[in-house]
Each structure stands twice: as C-alpha cells, then as structure tokens.
C-alpha cells in the first residue's frame, strides 16, 4: 500500500509491516523515514541488521535472497536493508525484489527495507515495484515545495518547543528563513537544530533567526553582499581575496552580486510605478539588514546607473563562464572585483556627487 510520508509516525505506533520501500530525491526525508522504521523495528526485537548496496549490472542477489528467506526460529530478528542508488535493479534484481516481496508476506523474523531514489512513472508501474507496493508499504519522499516551506519550518520549530510570533511578524521570519534554505532541506533541518542549541524554548525574534540562519556555509558570500551595499570598498576587496583563496566558486559570487543588482532594479521600477518602498521591498523578499541597506542605497541609484550595473553584471556572467567581453578582464576574479567595486562605489556616492545625464 502507499502511505504518505507524513503519516509514517502514526502508522508505526499502531503496527509494523514486514516490508517497506522508500523512494524519492529528498535525502533528509528518506533518512528520517528509514530511521523511524529502524527504531520501530528495534523496539520490537529486530536486533540484527544486514545491509546490501546494489552496485553494477552484475550484482549477486543470491545473498540478499538468502537473508530475506531466513526463517530460523533460534536466530535474532533482523532488518534486511537493500539500497539501490540508481533505482534500476536490472532483470535479475527485478525478479529478486518480487521474490523478496513474496517472502516478506509470511516472514516475521525479517523486516525488509528497500531504499530507492526518485522513480519515474514507468518504473513505478513496473512489476517489481508493484510487488513491493502489493506486499508492503511504499513511501514517497518528495521535496518540500517553496510555498509549503514556511509551514514546514514552523512545524519543525514546534517539535523543539520554539515558535515565531503570530501574525505578519511571524510570517516575515518564516519567509526570510525559507528564502535562505530553499532547495536544501538538509540545510534547513540543520539551521532549525542550531536554533534549539542557541536559544531556549519559546518565541524567537527576527534578529535571533537572522543571526543564526545567516551563519551558514555561504555566510561569507552573504557578508560580501552586505559590505558591497554598505559601500565598504576596502572590506569588499579583502573579502573577495579571501573567497578566491578559499576556493569559492566564481559563479556563486557573481550570482550574489547580480541578484542584488536585479533586486535593486526591480524595487526601483516598482517605486517608479507608484508602490511605496516598504511594499516594493516585501514583494522582492528583502528582509533584515539588507532591507535597511536597500532603503539607504536606493535614493543614490539613478535609472541610468542601474541599467549600467545590469549591463556589467551580464558581461561578467559570460566571463565567469569562460567567455570574453570587450573592455573587461578575461580573468573571472578580476572581473568580479570590477563588478563589485562598481556597485560598491555607486552605493557609497552621496546624491550631490551624482551627475545626471
């Protein structure tokens, strides 16, 4: 049978089936579901564990079948774990999985756990997967969509007795959090755990979440963005040199700078259409310190300046991907230095020093 992964915990409190198959491309959810099944099995006396990883077209399935068919009354109960990283067991594997599924039906000494990546529709309709679904429980670990991510974060915070304020203030925190971890649920999980270590149970403020969540693997790139928008030219140069020395990817540094330029242009255009600055910032999901930096910088940037910065960002995009641009350095890091300083100096110039054309 198919079981929504969100219902697994309740399911395991009531019963434990002899066969489970987990498939999906969200590593955190796959790992958590497998851990929950293993923990439930241990509570019911499954003290042994055998793990087989299917590698290559000539994998020998005989040992897997022998383990799955064990009915020794004097042996400890065991968990038989079969990992198929490619999701393609091959002809022999397809037959073996169907046999394992049939063996599981009358075998209370072995719990079989099959771990698979994301499967396409044709594979899910195949005979071997159909056998797993008919004789056991299948769970699909789908990524959490961006629209559902704030609620997912709130639920995870609640598990550790933490929450954000009610109303718009809380939603602002959750949206900020989601923007920082979108596309990487494992990073989101780690940042939520970090909040439990840093702060006691109860309500979290925006400042607490901002300080914790920005301190991640790409922390230095985010700080580079803040330094550029603050017009701190010397600091920007030092940070770029440090990022280059640490082996940071040129495309990531470019993306950070270019995204700031695009966001400034979108907010400026929205204001030109009559929207108030706070509304325009919210629409572009500009929060926290960056929100304050945008408020300071936007009056300094003319439409002509923003167009010039966009053009420069486009040129550097090609350079960091191996292309050449007339009048620009061919070295990616040198081009990034120039782009960063263009934006930095534009953000630092006072209005009276600006010459309109």
Protein backbone atom coordinates (compact mmCIF):
# COMPACT_ATOMS: atom_id res chain seq x y z
CA UNK A 1 0.00 0.00 0.00
CA UNK A 2 1.02 3.62 -0.49
CA UNK A 3 1.44 5.69 2.66
CA UNK A 4 2.03 9.47 2.81
CA UNK A 5 5.35 10.04 4.49
CA UNK A 6 3.74 12.49 6.92
CA UNK A 7 1.61 9.62 8.29
CA UNK A 8 4.52 7.22 8.91
CA UNK A 9 4.94 8.07 12.60
CA UNK A 10 1.28 7.41 13.38
CA UNK A 11 1.40 4.21 11.31
CA UNK A 12 4.42 2.86 13.22
CA UNK A 13 2.73 3.49 16.56
CA UNK A 14 -0.04 1.10 15.53
CA UNK A 15 1.71 -1.58 13.50
CA UNK A 16 4.94 -2.70 11.86
CA UNK A 17 4.76 -4.32 8.44
CA UNK A 18 7.42 -6.79 7.22
CA UNK A 19 8.27 -4.76 4.09
CA UNK A 20 8.84 -1.05 3.45
CA UNK A 21 10.13 0.74 0.35
CA UNK A 22 11.11 4.42 0.45
CA UNK A 23 11.69 6.30 -2.81
CA UNK A 24 12.37 9.96 -3.52
CA UNK A 25 15.05 12.59 -4.09
CA UNK A 26 14.81 14.40 -0.75
CA UNK A 27 17.68 12.91 1.31
CA UNK A 28 16.53 14.30 4.65
CA UNK A 29 13.02 12.83 4.41
CA UNK A 30 14.35 9.48 3.17
CA UNK A 31 16.82 9.34 6.03
CA UNK A 32 14.23 10.29 8.66
CA UNK A 33 11.69 7.75 7.37
CA UNK A 34 14.29 4.98 7.33
CA UNK A 35 15.47 5.91 10.83
CA UNK A 36 11.89 5.82 12.12
CA UNK A 37 11.32 2.33 10.66
CA UNK A 38 14.63 1.05 12.07
CA UNK A 39 13.79 2.46 15.52
CA UNK A 40 10.34 0.83 15.49
CA UNK A 41 11.94 -2.46 14.44
CA UNK A 42 14.45 -2.31 17.31
CA UNK A 43 11.63 -1.76 19.79
CA UNK A 44 10.01 -4.97 18.52
CA UNK A 45 13.16 -7.07 18.81
CA UNK A 46 14.78 -6.75 15.39
CA UNK A 47 18.31 -6.52 16.79
CA UNK A 48 20.33 -7.63 13.74
CA UNK A 49 20.80 -5.64 10.54
CA UNK A 50 22.12 -6.67 7.13
CA UNK A 51 22.79 -4.02 4.50
CA UNK A 52 23.24 -4.66 0.77
CA UNK A 53 24.05 -1.91 -1.74
CA UNK A 54 23.26 -2.83 -5.32
CA UNK A 55 26.20 -1.71 -7.45
CA UNK A 56 26.64 -2.57 -11.10
CA UNK A 57 24.74 -4.74 -13.52
CA UNK A 58 26.36 -7.94 -12.24
CA UNK A 59 25.37 -7.61 -8.60
CA UNK A 60 24.87 -11.00 -6.95
CA UNK A 61 21.36 -11.13 -5.50
CA UNK A 62 21.72 -14.62 -4.02
CA UNK A 63 22.95 -13.38 -0.64
CA UNK A 64 20.05 -10.92 -0.45
CA UNK A 65 17.52 -13.64 -1.20
CA UNK A 66 19.15 -15.98 1.32
CA UNK A 67 18.96 -13.31 4.03
CA UNK A 68 15.39 -12.44 3.15
CA UNK A 69 14.31 -16.06 3.23
CA UNK A 70 15.77 -16.80 6.66
CA UNK A 71 13.16 -18.35 8.95
CA UNK A 72 15.46 -19.67 11.69
CA UNK A 73 13.40 -19.71 14.89
CA UNK A 74 16.53 -19.55 17.03
CA UNK A 75 18.11 -16.55 15.32
CA UNK A 76 17.56 -12.92 16.29
CA UNK A 77 15.10 -10.94 14.25
CA UNK A 78 16.84 -8.87 11.61
CA UNK A 79 16.34 -5.85 9.37
CA UNK A 80 17.32 -6.56 5.77
CA UNK A 81 18.18 -3.28 4.09
CA UNK A 82 18.56 -3.15 0.31
CA UNK A 83 19.85 0.09 -1.18
CA UNK A 84 19.51 0.66 -4.94
CA UNK A 85 21.13 4.08 -5.64
CA UNK A 86 20.35 4.00 -9.37
CA UNK A 87 16.74 2.90 -8.94
CA UNK A 88 17.34 0.28 -11.65
CA UNK A 89 17.76 -3.23 -10.24
CA UNK A 90 18.06 -4.87 -13.67
CA UNK A 91 16.41 -8.09 -14.82
CA UNK A 92 17.83 -10.29 -12.06
CA UNK A 93 17.12 -7.63 -9.46
CA UNK A 94 13.55 -7.23 -10.63
CA UNK A 95 12.94 -10.92 -10.14
CA UNK A 96 14.73 -10.92 -6.81
CA UNK A 97 12.70 -7.98 -5.49
CA UNK A 98 9.46 -9.70 -6.45
CA UNK A 99 10.64 -12.81 -4.65
CA UNK A 100 11.63 -10.77 -1.58
CA UNK A 101 8.20 -9.17 -1.55
CA UNK A 102 6.50 -12.56 -1.63
CA UNK A 103 8.83 -13.92 1.09
CA UNK A 104 8.10 -10.96 3.35
CA UNK A 105 4.41 -11.83 3.48
CA UNK A 106 4.94 -14.83 5.74
CA UNK A 107 8.22 -13.94 7.40
CA UNK A 108 8.06 -12.35 10.86
CA UNK A 109 11.78 -12.80 11.56
CA UNK A 110 12.94 -10.37 8.85
CA UNK A 111 11.85 -6.81 8.14
CA UNK A 112 12.87 -5.76 4.64
CA UNK A 113 13.63 -2.10 3.92
CA UNK A 114 14.27 -1.05 0.30
CA UNK A 115 15.75 2.42 -0.33
CA UNK A 116 15.41 3.95 -3.78
CA UNK A 117 15.92 7.35 -5.47
CA UNK A 118 13.12 9.20 -7.23
CA UNK A 119 11.35 6.87 -9.65
CA UNK A 120 9.60 7.84 -12.86
CA UNK A 121 6.05 6.77 -13.62
CA UNK A 122 7.10 3.88 -15.86
CA UNK A 123 9.30 2.40 -13.11
CA UNK A 124 6.55 2.76 -10.50
CA UNK A 125 4.23 0.89 -12.84
CA UNK A 126 6.75 -1.95 -13.27
CA UNK A 127 6.30 -5.43 -11.89
CA UNK A 128 8.96 -5.33 -9.18
CA UNK A 129 7.75 -2.05 -7.70
CA UNK A 130 4.17 -3.23 -7.94
CA UNK A 131 5.14 -6.29 -5.90
CA UNK A 132 6.72 -4.10 -3.21
CA UNK A 133 3.58 -1.99 -3.09
CA UNK A 134 1.24 -5.01 -3.01
CA UNK A 135 3.04 -6.90 -0.25
CA UNK A 136 4.39 -3.99 1.77
CA UNK A 137 4.26 -0.23 2.37
CA UNK A 138 5.74 2.31 -0.06
CA UNK A 139 6.58 5.89 0.90
CA UNK A 140 7.46 8.70 -1.50
CA UNK A 141 9.85 11.38 -0.18
CA UNK A 142 9.11 14.43 -2.33
CA UNK A 143 10.91 17.77 -1.88
CA UNK A 144 9.02 20.37 0.13
CA UNK A 145 7.73 22.97 -2.31
CA UNK A 146 8.69 26.60 -1.71
CA UNK A 147 5.10 27.56 -0.91
CA UNK A 148 4.96 24.91 1.83
CA UNK A 149 8.43 25.55 3.24
CA UNK A 150 7.48 28.23 5.83
CA UNK A 151 4.86 25.94 7.36
CA UNK A 152 7.32 23.04 7.34
CA UNK A 153 9.85 25.19 9.21
CA UNK A 154 7.19 26.23 11.75
CA UNK A 155 6.29 22.59 12.38
CA UNK A 156 9.94 21.64 12.89
CA UNK A 157 10.42 24.54 15.30
CA UNK A 158 7.36 23.40 17.24
CA UNK A 159 8.93 19.97 17.75
CA UNK A 160 11.66 21.66 19.80
CA UNK A 161 9.18 23.93 21.64
CA UNK A 162 10.10 27.03 19.67
CA UNK A 163 7.87 29.29 17.60
CA UNK A 164 7.78 32.63 15.81
CA UNK A 165 5.42 35.47 16.75
CA UNK A 166 1.87 35.28 15.47
CA UNK A 167 0.63 37.32 12.56
CA UNK A 168 2.62 39.20 9.93
CA UNK A 169 5.79 39.40 12.07
CA UNK A 170 5.98 35.62 12.32
CA UNK A 171 5.29 35.12 8.63
CA UNK A 172 8.06 37.57 7.82
CA UNK A 173 10.51 35.47 9.86
CA UNK A 174 9.40 32.22 8.23
CA UNK A 175 9.64 33.72 4.73
CA UNK A 176 13.13 35.03 5.50
CA UNK A 177 14.15 31.59 6.79
CA UNK A 178 12.68 29.84 3.74
CA UNK A 179 14.49 32.18 1.35
CA UNK A 180 17.82 31.26 2.94
CA UNK A 181 17.37 27.47 2.75
CA UNK A 182 15.16 26.96 -0.30
CA UNK A 183 16.20 23.89 -2.27
CA UNK A 184 18.25 22.39 0.55
CA UNK A 185 16.03 20.75 3.16
CA UNK A 186 19.01 19.26 4.96
CA UNK A 187 20.43 22.75 5.47
CA UNK A 188 17.03 23.88 6.76
CA UNK A 189 16.99 20.99 9.23
CA UNK A 190 20.48 21.85 10.45
CA UNK A 191 19.64 25.53 10.90
CA UNK A 192 16.50 24.63 12.89
CA UNK A 193 18.57 22.39 15.14
CA UNK A 194 21.06 25.23 15.58
CA UNK A 195 18.27 27.48 16.87
CA UNK A 196 17.48 24.89 19.56
CA UNK A 197 21.10 24.97 20.67
CA UNK A 198 21.37 28.77 20.66
CA UNK A 199 18.08 29.77 22.24
CA UNK A 200 15.70 28.35 24.87
CA UNK A 201 12.18 27.12 24.20
CA UNK A 202 9.70 29.87 23.43
CA UNK A 203 9.29 32.65 20.92
CA UNK A 204 12.08 33.57 18.50
CA UNK A 205 12.67 37.12 17.29
CA UNK A 206 13.62 38.13 13.76
CA UNK A 207 17.06 39.23 14.99
CA UNK A 208 17.71 35.83 16.59
CA UNK A 209 16.73 33.91 13.45
CA UNK A 210 18.63 36.28 11.18
CA UNK A 211 21.82 36.00 13.23
CA UNK A 212 21.65 32.20 13.31
CA UNK A 213 20.47 31.41 9.79
CA UNK A 214 22.94 33.67 8.01
CA UNK A 215 25.81 31.91 9.76
CA UNK A 216 25.88 29.01 7.28
CA UNK A 217 28.35 27.59 4.77
CA UNK A 218 27.78 30.54 2.43
CA UNK A 219 27.97 33.07 5.23
CA UNK A 220 30.96 34.89 3.72
CA UNK A 221 29.18 35.40 0.41
CA UNK A 222 26.19 36.92 2.20
CA UNK A 223 28.54 39.18 4.15
CA UNK A 224 30.16 40.23 0.89
CA UNK A 225 26.75 41.35 -0.35
CA UNK A 226 26.20 43.42 2.79
CA UNK A 227 29.66 45.01 2.54
CA UNK A 228 29.10 45.97 -1.12
CA UNK A 229 25.70 47.55 -0.40
CA UNK A 230 27.21 49.40 2.55
CA UNK A 231 29.85 50.90 0.23
CA UNK A 232 32.76 49.42 2.25
CA UNK A 233 35.30 49.27 -0.59
CA UNK A 234 38.36 48.10 1.36
CA UNK A 235 36.40 45.39 3.15
CA UNK A 236 34.94 44.22 -0.17
CA UNK A 237 38.42 43.84 -1.65
CA UNK A 238 39.61 41.82 1.35
CA UNK A 239 36.54 39.55 1.26
CA UNK A 240 36.89 38.87 -2.46
CA UNK A 241 40.55 37.96 -1.98
CA UNK A 242 39.58 35.64 0.87
CA UNK A 243 36.81 33.95 -1.10
CA UNK A 244 39.19 33.36 -4.01
CA UNK A 245 41.84 31.90 -1.68
CA UNK A 246 39.27 29.57 -0.09
CA UNK A 247 38.23 28.22 -3.50
CA UNK A 248 34.73 29.69 -3.58
CA UNK A 249 33.00 29.28 -6.93
CA UNK A 250 33.15 32.35 -9.17
CA UNK A 251 29.59 31.75 -10.36
CA UNK A 252 28.26 31.86 -6.79
CA UNK A 253 29.96 35.19 -6.08
CA UNK A 254 28.64 36.56 -9.36
CA UNK A 255 25.14 35.31 -8.61
CA UNK A 256 25.16 37.09 -5.24
CA UNK A 257 26.24 40.40 -6.74
CA UNK A 258 23.97 40.12 -9.79
CA UNK A 259 20.95 39.18 -7.67
CA UNK A 260 21.43 42.31 -5.55
CA UNK A 261 21.59 44.44 -8.71
CA UNK A 262 18.46 42.81 -10.14
CA UNK A 263 16.60 43.26 -6.85
CA UNK A 264 17.58 46.93 -6.66
CA UNK A 265 16.33 47.41 -10.23
CA UNK A 266 13.02 45.64 -9.52
CA UNK A 267 12.40 47.69 -6.36
CA UNK A 268 13.31 50.91 -8.18
CA UNK A 269 10.93 50.07 -11.04
CA UNK A 270 8.13 49.26 -8.59
CA UNK A 271 8.60 52.61 -6.87
CA UNK A 272 8.53 54.36 -10.25
CA UNK A 273 5.12 52.73 -10.81
CA UNK A 274 3.85 54.25 -7.58
CA UNK A 275 4.31 51.49 -5.00
CA UNK A 276 5.62 52.57 -1.60
CA UNK A 277 9.15 51.45 -0.73
CA UNK A 278 8.10 49.08 2.10
CA UNK A 279 5.65 47.31 -0.22
CA UNK A 280 8.22 47.05 -3.01
CA UNK A 281 10.78 45.58 -0.60
CA UNK A 282 8.31 42.98 0.68
CA UNK A 283 7.40 41.97 -2.87
CA UNK A 284 11.09 41.29 -3.57
CA UNK A 285 11.54 39.47 -0.23
CA UNK A 286 14.15 41.88 1.04
CA UNK A 287 14.38 41.50 4.82
CA UNK A 288 16.52 42.36 7.84
CA UNK A 289 19.81 44.16 7.39
CA UNK A 290 19.55 44.03 3.62
CA UNK A 291 16.19 45.82 3.86
CA UNK A 292 17.85 48.68 5.73
CA UNK A 293 20.72 48.76 3.24
CA UNK A 294 18.30 48.94 0.30
CA UNK A 295 16.46 51.82 1.97
CA UNK A 296 19.73 53.75 2.21
CA UNK A 297 21.04 52.84 -1.24
CA UNK A 298 18.01 53.25 -3.48
CA UNK A 299 17.90 57.08 -3.32
CA UNK A 300 21.51 57.08 -4.57
CA UNK A 301 20.86 54.99 -7.67
CA UNK A 302 19.52 56.60 -10.83
CA UNK A 303 17.82 54.54 -13.55
CA UNK A 304 20.90 55.10 -15.74
CA UNK A 305 23.19 53.75 -13.01
CA UNK A 306 21.05 50.65 -12.52
CA UNK A 307 20.99 49.95 -16.27
CA UNK A 308 24.77 50.27 -16.37
CA UNK A 309 25.16 47.90 -13.42
CA UNK A 310 22.84 45.36 -15.07
CA UNK A 311 24.90 45.52 -18.24
CA UNK A 312 28.11 44.97 -16.26
CA UNK A 313 26.56 42.00 -14.43
CA UNK A 314 25.60 40.50 -17.78
CA UNK A 315 29.16 40.90 -19.09
CA UNK A 316 30.69 39.27 -16.01
CA UNK A 317 28.20 36.40 -16.23
CA UNK A 318 29.78 35.44 -19.53
CA UNK A 319 33.34 35.94 -18.27
CA UNK A 320 32.97 33.59 -15.27
CA UNK A 321 31.60 31.01 -17.73
CA UNK A 322 34.67 31.26 -19.97
CA UNK A 323 33.61 33.90 -22.48
CA UNK A 324 35.35 37.19 -23.29
CA UNK A 325 33.90 40.69 -23.19
CA UNK A 326 35.44 43.78 -24.84
CA UNK A 327 36.95 46.14 -22.28
CA UNK A 328 36.73 43.62 -19.44
CA UNK A 329 39.44 41.41 -17.83
CA UNK A 330 39.39 37.83 -19.10
CA UNK A 331 40.10 36.52 -15.59
CA UNK A 332 36.88 35.77 -13.73
CA UNK A 333 38.04 37.01 -10.32
CA UNK A 334 39.39 40.26 -11.78
CA UNK A 335 36.04 40.83 -13.47
CA UNK A 336 34.23 40.10 -10.20
CA UNK A 337 36.43 42.66 -8.42
CA UNK A 338 35.50 45.26 -11.01
CA UNK A 339 31.77 44.50 -10.83
CA UNK A 340 31.79 44.54 -7.03
CA UNK A 341 33.60 47.87 -6.96
CA UNK A 342 31.20 49.41 -9.49
CA UNK A 343 28.26 48.51 -7.27
CA UNK A 344 30.14 49.41 -4.10
CA UNK A 345 31.10 52.88 -5.34
CA UNK A 346 27.59 53.51 -6.64
CA UNK A 347 26.23 52.70 -3.19
CA UNK A 348 28.81 54.92 -1.48
CA UNK A 349 28.41 58.09 -3.55
CA UNK A 350 26.31 60.84 -1.93
CA UNK A 351 23.43 62.26 -4.02
CA UNK A 352 25.15 65.61 -4.56
CA UNK A 353 28.12 63.90 -6.25
CA UNK A 354 25.90 62.17 -8.77
CA UNK A 355 25.77 63.63 -12.27
CA UNK A 356 22.50 63.08 -14.11
CA UNK A 357 22.71 62.69 -17.85
